[in-house]
Amino acid sequence: MCPNCQKSSIQKYGTQNHIQRYKCNVCNKIFTLKNKLDSIKIWHDYTLGKQTYKQLAESYHCSVRTIQRHLLKAPKTPLNLPQNEILNIVMDM
């Protein structure tokens, strides 16, 4: 599917640096199909899955620095405020 016009009329158009290139027959855009990392999915795996940078890098087949960059640009969800007006805090000194 073409990333520009979202049509599925594409054909192979040679290689560049050992990466297959494609050309859209509708809009004549030339592009490569790469598996892009999803920053939101990485964020969920990091926060909810309790995975470390190294574990995420191994599972997504990339470097630790790439994981860090995606976590920095992932949209963060705001904290939910308590619904009750009364809040008990227990502290140990």
PDB file of N, CA and C in Angstrom:
ATOM      1  N   MET A   1       0.842  -1.174   0.000  1.00  0.00           N
ATOM      2  CA  MET A   1       0.000   0.000   0.000  1.00  0.00           C
ATOM      3  C   MET A   1       0.890   1.241   0.000  1.00  0.00           C
ATOM      4  N   CYS A   2       0.556   2.180  -0.829  1.00  0.00           N
ATOM      5  CA  CYS A   2       1.336   3.407  -0.954  1.00  0.00           C
ATOM      6  C   CYS A   2       1.158   4.279   0.289  1.00  0.00           C
ATOM      7  N   PRO A   3       2.254   4.747   0.900  1.00  0.00           N
ATOM      8  CA  PRO A   3       2.118   5.612   2.076  1.00  0.00           C
ATOM      9  C   PRO A   3       1.621   7.011   1.722  1.00  0.00           C
ATOM     10  N   ASN A   4       1.675   7.379   0.454  1.00  0.00           N
ATOM     11  CA  ASN A   4       1.251   8.712   0.036  1.00  0.00           C
ATOM     12  C   ASN A   4      -0.249   8.776  -0.270  1.00  0.00           C
ATOM     13  N   CYS A   5      -0.738   7.871  -1.137  1.00  0.00           N
ATOM     14  CA  CYS A   5      -2.142   7.926  -1.562  1.00  0.00           C
ATOM     15  C   CYS A   5      -2.977   6.770  -1.013  1.00  0.00           C
ATOM     16  N   GLN A   6      -2.363   5.835  -0.296  1.00  0.00           N
ATOM     17  CA  GLN A   6      -3.043   4.698   0.332  1.00  0.00           C
ATOM     18  C   GLN A   6      -3.674   3.733  -0.677  1.00  0.00           C
ATOM     19  N   LYS A   7      -3.204   3.732  -1.924  1.00  0.00           N
ATOM     20  CA  LYS A   7      -3.691   2.789  -2.935  1.00  0.00           C
ATOM     21  C   LYS A   7      -2.780   1.571  -2.941  1.00  0.00           C
ATOM     22  N   SER A   8      -3.309   0.434  -3.370  1.00  0.00           N
ATOM     23  CA  SER A   8      -2.515  -0.799  -3.363  1.00  0.00           C
ATOM     24  C   SER A   8      -1.940  -1.136  -4.732  1.00  0.00           C
ATOM     25  N   SER A   9      -1.963  -0.202  -5.656  1.00  0.00           N
ATOM     26  CA  SER A   9      -1.425  -0.426  -6.995  1.00  0.00           C
ATOM     27  C   SER A   9       0.051  -0.031  -7.014  1.00  0.00           C
ATOM     28  N   ILE A  10       0.921  -0.931  -6.521  1.00  0.00           N
ATOM     29  CA  ILE A  10       2.347  -0.651  -6.477  1.00  0.00           C
ATOM     30  C   ILE A  10       3.105  -1.755  -7.210  1.00  0.00           C
ATOM     31  N   GLN A  11       4.336  -1.427  -7.620  1.00  0.00           N
ATOM     32  CA  GLN A  11       5.186  -2.420  -8.271  1.00  0.00           C
ATOM     33  C   GLN A  11       6.620  -2.230  -7.772  1.00  0.00           C
ATOM     34  N   LYS A  12       7.408  -3.301  -7.860  1.00  0.00           N
ATOM     35  CA  LYS A  12       8.807  -3.225  -7.468  1.00  0.00           C
ATOM     36  C   LYS A  12       9.524  -2.275  -8.415  1.00  0.00           C
ATOM     37  N   TYR A  13      10.468  -1.499  -7.857  1.00  0.00           N
ATOM     38  CA  TYR A  13      11.149  -0.472  -8.636  1.00  0.00           C
ATOM     39  C   TYR A  13      12.641  -0.456  -8.317  1.00  0.00           C
ATOM     40  N   GLY A  14      13.256  -1.626  -8.281  1.00  0.00           N
ATOM     41  CA  GLY A  14      14.691  -1.726  -8.054  1.00  0.00           C
ATOM     42  C   GLY A  14      15.048  -1.755  -6.574  1.00  0.00           C
ATOM     43  N   THR A  15      16.354  -1.683  -6.300  1.00  0.00           N
ATOM     44  CA  THR A  15      16.840  -1.671  -4.922  1.00  0.00           C
ATOM     45  C   THR A  15      17.819  -0.529  -4.750  1.00  0.00           C
ATOM     46  N   GLN A  16      17.968  -0.097  -3.509  1.00  0.00           N
ATOM     47  CA  GLN A  16      18.950   0.917  -3.159  1.00  0.00           C
ATOM     48  C   GLN A  16      19.524   0.526  -1.810  1.00  0.00           C
ATOM     49  N   ASN A  17      20.845   0.353  -1.735  1.00  0.00           N
ATOM     50  CA  ASN A  17      21.517  -0.105  -0.513  1.00  0.00           C
ATOM     51  C   ASN A  17      20.931  -1.422  -0.020  1.00  0.00           C
ATOM     52  N   HIS A  18      20.659  -2.318  -0.932  1.00  0.00           N
ATOM     53  CA  HIS A  18      20.109  -3.651  -0.640  1.00  0.00           C
ATOM     54  C   HIS A  18      18.713  -3.587  -0.010  1.00  0.00           C
ATOM     55  N   ILE A  19      17.983  -2.512  -0.234  1.00  0.00           N
ATOM     56  CA  ILE A  19      16.608  -2.368   0.268  1.00  0.00           C
ATOM     57  C   ILE A  19      15.687  -2.225  -0.930  1.00  0.00           C
ATOM     58  N   GLN A  20      14.653  -3.062  -0.977  1.00  0.00           N
ATOM     59  CA  GLN A  20      13.711  -3.047  -2.096  1.00  0.00           C
ATOM     60  C   GLN A  20      12.947  -1.733  -2.143  1.00  0.00           C
ATOM     61  N   ARG A  21      12.862  -1.136  -3.343  1.00  0.00           N
ATOM     62  CA  ARG A  21      12.094   0.088  -3.558  1.00  0.00           C
ATOM     63  C   ARG A  21      10.829  -0.245  -4.335  1.00  0.00           C
ATOM     64  N   TYR A  22       9.801   0.564  -4.149  1.00  0.00           N
ATOM     65  CA  TYR A  22       8.512   0.364  -4.826  1.00  0.00           C
ATOM     66  C   TYR A  22       8.069   1.684  -5.431  1.00  0.00           C
ATOM     67  N   LYS A  23       7.246   1.572  -6.483  1.00  0.00           N
ATOM     68  CA  LYS A  23       6.679   2.749  -7.134  1.00  0.00           C
ATOM     69  C   LYS A  23       5.170   2.596  -7.194  1.00  0.00           C
ATOM     70  N   CYS A  24       4.460   3.645  -6.820  1.00  0.00           N
ATOM     71  CA  CYS A  24       3.003   3.649  -6.880  1.00  0.00           C
ATOM     72  C   CYS A  24       2.584   3.971  -8.315  1.00  0.00           C
ATOM     73  N   ASN A  25       1.687   3.163  -8.874  1.00  0.00           N
ATOM     74  CA  ASN A  25       1.208   3.391 -10.237  1.00  0.00           C
ATOM     75  C   ASN A  25       0.192   4.517 -10.320  1.00  0.00           C
ATOM     76  N   VAL A  26      -0.335   4.954  -9.182  1.00  0.00           N
ATOM     77  CA  VAL A  26      -1.344   6.010  -9.169  1.00  0.00           C
ATOM     78  C   VAL A  26      -0.693   7.390  -9.045  1.00  0.00           C
ATOM     79  N   CYS A  27       0.146   7.565  -8.010  1.00  0.00           N
ATOM     80  CA  CYS A  27       0.728   8.891  -7.761  1.00  0.00           C
ATOM     81  C   CYS A  27       2.211   8.980  -8.142  1.00  0.00           C
ATOM     82  N   ASN A  28       2.791   7.890  -8.683  1.00  0.00           N
ATOM     83  CA  ASN A  28       4.185   7.827  -9.118  1.00  0.00           C
ATOM     84  C   ASN A  28       5.193   8.099  -8.007  1.00  0.00           C
ATOM     85  N   LYS A  29       4.807   7.912  -6.767  1.00  0.00           N
ATOM     86  CA  LYS A  29       5.709   8.082  -5.619  1.00  0.00           C
ATOM     87  C   LYS A  29       6.600   6.847  -5.504  1.00  0.00           C
ATOM     88  N   ILE A  30       7.897   7.050  -5.246  1.00  0.00           N
ATOM     89  CA  ILE A  30       8.843   5.954  -5.044  1.00  0.00           C
ATOM     90  C   ILE A  30       9.142   5.886  -3.548  1.00  0.00           C
ATOM     91  N   PHE A  31       9.075   4.684  -2.970  1.00  0.00           N
ATOM     92  CA  PHE A  31       9.233   4.541  -1.521  1.00  0.00           C
ATOM     93  C   PHE A  31       9.752   3.154  -1.197  1.00  0.00           C
ATOM     94  N   THR A  32      10.138   2.960   0.056  1.00  0.00           N
ATOM     95  CA  THR A  32      10.542   1.650   0.558  1.00  0.00           C
ATOM     96  C   THR A  32       9.555   1.256   1.654  1.00  0.00           C
ATOM     97  N   LEU A  33       9.339  -0.022   1.800  1.00  0.00           N
ATOM     98  CA  LEU A  33       8.463  -0.522   2.853  1.00  0.00           C
ATOM     99  C   LEU A  33       9.344  -1.013   3.988  1.00  0.00           C
ATOM    100  N   LYS A  34       9.287  -0.329   5.099  1.00  0.00           N
ATOM    101  CA  LYS A  34      10.060  -0.705   6.276  1.00  0.00           C
ATOM    102  C   LYS A  34       9.096  -0.949   7.422  1.00  0.00           C
ATOM    103  N   ASN A  35       9.501  -1.806   8.317  1.00  0.00           N
ATOM    104  CA  ASN A  35       8.712  -2.002   9.525  1.00  0.00           C
ATOM    105  C   ASN A  35       9.025  -0.867  10.480  1.00  0.00           C
ATOM    106  N   LYS A  36       8.078   0.001  10.684  1.00  0.00           N
ATOM    107  CA  LYS A  36       8.269   1.140  11.566  1.00  0.00           C
ATOM    108  C   LYS A  36       7.899   0.740  12.991  1.00  0.00           C
ATOM    109  N   LEU A  37       8.637   1.259  13.930  1.00  0.00           N
ATOM    110  CA  LEU A  37       8.345   0.988  15.333  1.00  0.00           C
ATOM    111  C   LEU A  37       7.204   1.891  15.787  1.00  0.00           C
ATOM    112  N   ASP A  38       6.326   1.352  16.594  1.00  0.00           N
ATOM    113  CA  ASP A  38       5.193   2.087  17.116  1.00  0.00           C
ATOM    114  C   ASP A  38       5.539   2.572  18.519  1.00  0.00           C
ATOM    115  N   SER A  39       5.692   3.901  18.674  1.00  0.00           N
ATOM    116  CA  SER A  39       6.089   4.470  19.958  1.00  0.00           C
ATOM    117  C   SER A  39       5.073   4.180  21.052  1.00  0.00           C
ATOM    118  N   ILE A  40       3.798   4.158  20.709  1.00  0.00           N
ATOM    119  CA  ILE A  40       2.753   3.905  21.704  1.00  0.00           C
ATOM    120  C   ILE A  40       2.837   2.472  22.201  1.00  0.00           C
ATOM    121  N   LYS A  41       3.066   1.526  21.294  1.00  0.00           N
ATOM    122  CA  LYS A  41       3.188   0.121  21.700  1.00  0.00           C
ATOM    123  C   LYS A  41       4.432  -0.085  22.568  1.00  0.00           C
ATOM    124  N   ILE A  42       5.530   0.565  22.220  1.00  0.00           N
ATOM    125  CA  ILE A  42       6.739   0.472  23.030  1.00  0.00           C
ATOM    126  C   ILE A  42       6.485   1.055  24.415  1.00  0.00           C
ATOM    127  N   TRP A  43       5.770   2.185  24.483  1.00  0.00           N
ATOM    128  CA  TRP A  43       5.447   2.808  25.771  1.00  0.00           C
ATOM    129  C   TRP A  43       4.608   1.877  26.634  1.00  0.00           C
ATOM    130  N   HIS A  44       3.612   1.217  26.039  1.00  0.00           N
ATOM    131  CA  HIS A  44       2.782   0.284  26.800  1.00  0.00           C
ATOM    132  C   HIS A  44       3.587  -0.915  27.283  1.00  0.00           C
ATOM    133  N   ASP A  45       4.466  -1.433  26.440  1.00  0.00           N
ATOM    134  CA  ASP A  45       5.318  -2.548  26.866  1.00  0.00           C
ATOM    135  C   ASP A  45       6.253  -2.129  27.991  1.00  0.00           C
ATOM    136  N   TYR A  46       6.711  -0.883  27.934  1.00  0.00           N
ATOM    137  CA  TYR A  46       7.634  -0.376  28.949  1.00  0.00           C
ATOM    138  C   TYR A  46       6.925  -0.152  30.283  1.00  0.00           C
ATOM    139  N   THR A  47       5.746   0.462  30.247  1.00  0.00           N
ATOM    140  CA  THR A  47       5.056   0.808  31.492  1.00  0.00           C
ATOM    141  C   THR A  47       4.211  -0.339  32.035  1.00  0.00           C
ATOM    142  N   LEU A  48       3.398  -0.933  31.195  1.00  0.00           N
ATOM    143  CA  LEU A  48       2.503  -1.986  31.676  1.00  0.00           C
ATOM    144  C   LEU A  48       3.186  -3.347  31.717  1.00  0.00           C
ATOM    145  N   GLY A  49       4.086  -3.593  30.777  1.00  0.00           N
ATOM    146  CA  GLY A  49       4.774  -4.879  30.725  1.00  0.00           C
ATOM    147  C   GLY A  49       5.986  -4.944  31.621  1.00  0.00           C
ATOM    148  N   LYS A  50       6.381  -3.789  32.198  1.00  0.00           N
ATOM    149  CA  LYS A  50       7.525  -3.712  33.117  1.00  0.00           C
ATOM    150  C   LYS A  50       8.794  -4.277  32.486  1.00  0.00           C
ATOM    151  N   GLN A  51       9.057  -3.894  31.232  1.00  0.00           N
ATOM    152  CA  GLN A  51      10.249  -4.367  30.543  1.00  0.00           C
ATOM    153  C   GLN A  51      11.339  -3.295  30.585  1.00  0.00           C
ATOM    154  N   THR A  52      12.571  -3.726  30.603  1.00  0.00           N
ATOM    155  CA  THR A  52      13.697  -2.799  30.601  1.00  0.00           C
ATOM    156  C   THR A  52      14.015  -2.378  29.172  1.00  0.00           C
ATOM    157  N   TYR A  53      14.894  -1.358  29.040  1.00  0.00           N
ATOM    158  CA  TYR A  53      15.322  -0.922  27.714  1.00  0.00           C
ATOM    159  C   TYR A  53      15.943  -2.080  26.949  1.00  0.00           C
ATOM    160  N   LYS A  54      16.780  -2.833  27.618  1.00  0.00           N
ATOM    161  CA  LYS A  54      17.480  -3.931  26.956  1.00  0.00           C
ATOM    162  C   LYS A  54      16.502  -5.006  26.484  1.00  0.00           C
ATOM    163  N   GLN A  55      15.506  -5.338  27.311  1.00  0.00           N
ATOM    164  CA  GLN A  55      14.504  -6.334  26.915  1.00  0.00           C
ATOM    165  C   GLN A  55      13.700  -5.837  25.723  1.00  0.00           C
ATOM    166  N   LEU A  56      13.325  -4.561  25.729  1.00  0.00           N
ATOM    167  CA  LEU A  56      12.577  -3.989  24.605  1.00  0.00           C
ATOM    168  C   LEU A  56      13.418  -3.977  23.333  1.00  0.00           C
ATOM    169  N   ALA A  57      14.700  -3.630  23.459  1.00  0.00           N
ATOM    170  CA  ALA A  57      15.583  -3.600  22.293  1.00  0.00           C
ATOM    171  C   ALA A  57      15.722  -4.988  21.682  1.00  0.00           C
ATOM    172  N   GLU A  58      15.797  -6.009  22.510  1.00  0.00           N
ATOM    173  CA  GLU A  58      15.900  -7.371  21.992  1.00  0.00           C
ATOM    174  C   GLU A  58      14.602  -7.817  21.321  1.00  0.00           C
ATOM    175  N   SER A  59      13.466  -7.475  21.903  1.00  0.00           N
ATOM    176  CA  SER A  59      12.193  -7.921  21.332  1.00  0.00           C
ATOM    177  C   SER A  59      11.835  -7.162  20.051  1.00  0.00           C
ATOM    178  N   TYR A  60      12.271  -5.887  19.928  1.00  0.00           N
ATOM    179  CA  TYR A  60      11.980  -5.100  18.725  1.00  0.00           C
ATOM    180  C   TYR A  60      13.135  -5.112  17.724  1.00  0.00           C
ATOM    181  N   HIS A  61      14.222  -5.819  18.027  1.00  0.00           N
ATOM    182  CA  HIS A  61      15.379  -5.958  17.136  1.00  0.00           C
ATOM    183  C   HIS A  61      15.967  -4.607  16.747  1.00  0.00           C
ATOM    184  N   CYS A  62      16.254  -3.787  17.754  1.00  0.00           N
ATOM    185  CA  CYS A  62      16.883  -2.495  17.522  1.00  0.00           C
ATOM    186  C   CYS A  62      17.798  -2.178  18.704  1.00  0.00           C
ATOM    187  N   SER A  63      18.390  -1.000  18.701  1.00  0.00           N
ATOM    188  CA  SER A  63      19.313  -0.632  19.768  1.00  0.00           C
ATOM    189  C   SER A  63      18.561  -0.038  20.961  1.00  0.00           C
ATOM    190  N   VAL A  64      19.269   0.015  22.085  1.00  0.00           N
ATOM    191  CA  VAL A  64      18.694   0.597  23.302  1.00  0.00           C
ATOM    192  C   VAL A  64      18.417   2.083  23.074  1.00  0.00           C
ATOM    193  N   ARG A  65      19.304   2.764  22.354  1.00  0.00           N
ATOM    194  CA  ARG A  65      19.117   4.192  22.084  1.00  0.00           C
ATOM    195  C   ARG A  65      17.860   4.443  21.244  1.00  0.00           C
ATOM    196  N   THR A  66      17.565   3.557  20.308  1.00  0.00           N
ATOM    197  CA  THR A  66      16.353   3.689  19.505  1.00  0.00           C
ATOM    198  C   THR A  66      15.116   3.569  20.397  1.00  0.00           C
ATOM    199  N   ILE A  67      15.143   2.638  21.333  1.00  0.00           N
ATOM    200  CA  ILE A  67      14.031   2.480  22.278  1.00  0.00           C
ATOM    201  C   ILE A  67      13.874   3.744  23.108  1.00  0.00           C
ATOM    202  N   GLN A  68      14.978   4.311  23.569  1.00  0.00           N
ATOM    203  CA  GLN A  68      14.924   5.538  24.367  1.00  0.00           C
ATOM    204  C   GLN A  68      14.305   6.687  23.569  1.00  0.00           C
ATOM    205  N   ARG A  69      14.688   6.815  22.299  1.00  0.00           N
ATOM    206  CA  ARG A  69      14.125   7.882  21.465  1.00  0.00           C
ATOM    207  C   ARG A  69      12.628   7.712  21.277  1.00  0.00           C
ATOM    208  N   HIS A  70      12.180   6.471  21.070  1.00  0.00           N
ATOM    209  CA  HIS A  70      10.750   6.238  20.880  1.00  0.00           C
ATOM    210  C   HIS A  70       9.979   6.469  22.171  1.00  0.00           C
ATOM    211  N   LEU A  71      10.573   6.164  23.298  1.00  0.00           N
ATOM    212  CA  LEU A  71       9.891   6.415  24.572  1.00  0.00           C
ATOM    213  C   LEU A  71       9.791   7.910  24.850  1.00  0.00           C
ATOM    214  N   LEU A  72      10.780   8.682  24.416  1.00  0.00           N
ATOM    215  CA  LEU A  72      10.726  10.128  24.624  1.00  0.00           C
ATOM    216  C   LEU A  72       9.634  10.789  23.786  1.00  0.00           C
ATOM    217  N   LYS A  73       9.400  10.264  22.577  1.00  0.00           N
ATOM    218  CA  LYS A  73       8.393  10.895  21.723  1.00  0.00           C
ATOM    219  C   LYS A  73       7.011  10.254  21.823  1.00  0.00           C
ATOM    220  N   ALA A  74       6.859   9.243  22.668  1.00  0.00           N
ATOM    221  CA  ALA A  74       5.547   8.614  22.853  1.00  0.00           C
ATOM    222  C   ALA A  74       4.645   9.541  23.662  1.00  0.00           C
ATOM    223  N   PRO A  75       3.367   9.628  23.301  1.00  0.00           N
ATOM    224  CA  PRO A  75       2.446  10.464  24.091  1.00  0.00           C
ATOM    225  C   PRO A  75       2.224   9.833  25.462  1.00  0.00           C
ATOM    226  N   LYS A  76       2.390  10.646  26.478  1.00  0.00           N
ATOM    227  CA  LYS A  76       2.228  10.165  27.854  1.00  0.00           C
ATOM    228  C   LYS A  76       0.772  10.387  28.294  1.00  0.00           C
ATOM    229  N   THR A  77       0.229   9.431  28.993  1.00  0.00           N
ATOM    230  CA  THR A  77      -1.142   9.566  29.474  1.00  0.00           C
ATOM    231  C   THR A  77      -1.125  10.318  30.798  1.00  0.00           C
ATOM    232  N   PRO A  78      -2.041  11.270  30.991  1.00  0.00           N
ATOM    233  CA  PRO A  78      -2.067  12.018  32.246  1.00  0.00           C
ATOM    234  C   PRO A  78      -2.538  11.133  33.399  1.00  0.00           C
ATOM    235  N   LEU A  79      -2.106  11.486  34.581  1.00  0.00           N
ATOM    236  CA  LEU A  79      -2.531  10.746  35.763  1.00  0.00           C
ATOM    237  C   LEU A  79      -3.991  11.036  36.066  1.00  0.00           C
ATOM    238  N   ASN A  80      -4.705  10.019  36.526  1.00  0.00           N
ATOM    239  CA  ASN A  80      -6.099  10.208  36.926  1.00  0.00           C
ATOM    240  C   ASN A  80      -6.127  10.727  38.356  1.00  0.00           C
ATOM    241  N   LEU A  81      -6.824  11.816  38.557  1.00  0.00           N
ATOM    242  CA  LEU A  81      -6.935  12.388  39.897  1.00  0.00           C
ATOM    243  C   LEU A  81      -7.899  11.548  40.729  1.00  0.00           C
ATOM    244  N   PRO A  82      -7.684  11.512  42.038  1.00  0.00           N
ATOM    245  CA  PRO A  82      -8.602  10.756  42.899  1.00  0.00           C
ATOM    246  C   PRO A  82     -10.020  11.314  42.810  1.00  0.00           C
ATOM    247  N   GLN A  83     -11.002  10.424  42.793  1.00  0.00           N
ATOM    248  CA  GLN A  83     -12.394  10.836  42.677  1.00  0.00           C
ATOM    249  C   GLN A  83     -12.960  11.314  44.003  1.00  0.00           C
ATOM    250  N   ASN A  84     -12.437  10.805  45.106  1.00  0.00           N
ATOM    251  CA  ASN A  84     -12.932  11.197  46.426  1.00  0.00           C
ATOM    252  C   ASN A  84     -12.260  12.484  46.879  1.00  0.00           C
ATOM    253  N   GLU A  85     -12.994  13.249  47.692  1.00  0.00           N
ATOM    254  CA  GLU A  85     -12.419  14.474  48.223  1.00  0.00           C
ATOM    255  C   GLU A  85     -11.539  14.190  49.429  1.00  0.00           C
ATOM    256  N   ILE A  86     -11.773  13.073  50.096  1.00  0.00           N
ATOM    257  CA  ILE A  86     -11.000  12.714  51.273  1.00  0.00           C
ATOM    258  C   ILE A  86      -9.927  11.714  50.845  1.00  0.00           C
ATOM    259  N   LEU A  87      -8.713  11.967  51.286  1.00  0.00           N
ATOM    260  CA  LEU A  87      -7.604  11.125  50.906  1.00  0.00           C
ATOM    261  C   LEU A  87      -6.786  10.829  52.151  1.00  0.00           C
ATOM    262  N   ASN A  88      -6.576   9.555  52.453  1.00  0.00           N
ATOM    263  CA  ASN A  88      -5.759   9.163  53.593  1.00  0.00           C
ATOM    264  C   ASN A  88      -4.381   8.781  53.093  1.00  0.00           C
ATOM    265  N   ILE A  89      -3.381   9.380  53.709  1.00  0.00           N
ATOM    266  CA  ILE A  89      -1.996   9.079  53.362  1.00  0.00           C
ATOM    267  C   ILE A  89      -1.342   8.452  54.579  1.00  0.00           C
ATOM    268  N   VAL A  90      -0.762   7.284  54.386  1.00  0.00           N
ATOM    269  CA  VAL A  90      -0.062   6.592  55.463  1.00  0.00           C
ATOM    270  C   VAL A  90       1.425   6.681  55.158  1.00  0.00           C
ATOM    271  N   MET A  91       2.179   7.244  56.126  1.00  0.00           N
ATOM    272  CA  MET A  91       3.609   7.417  55.923  1.00  0.00           C
ATOM    273  C   MET A  91       4.359   6.756  57.067  1.00  0.00           C
ATOM    274  N   ASP A  92       5.475   6.189  56.757  1.00  0.00           N
ATOM    275  CA  ASP A  92       6.332   5.569  57.762  1.00  0.00           C
ATOM    276  C   ASP A  92       7.577   6.432  57.884  1.00  0.00           C
ATOM    277  N   MET A  93       7.915   6.824  59.086  1.00  0.00           N
ATOM    278  CA  MET A  93       9.074   7.688  59.307  1.00  0.00           C
ATOM    279  C   MET A  93      10.204   6.909  59.893  1.00  0.00           C
TER     280      MET A  93
END
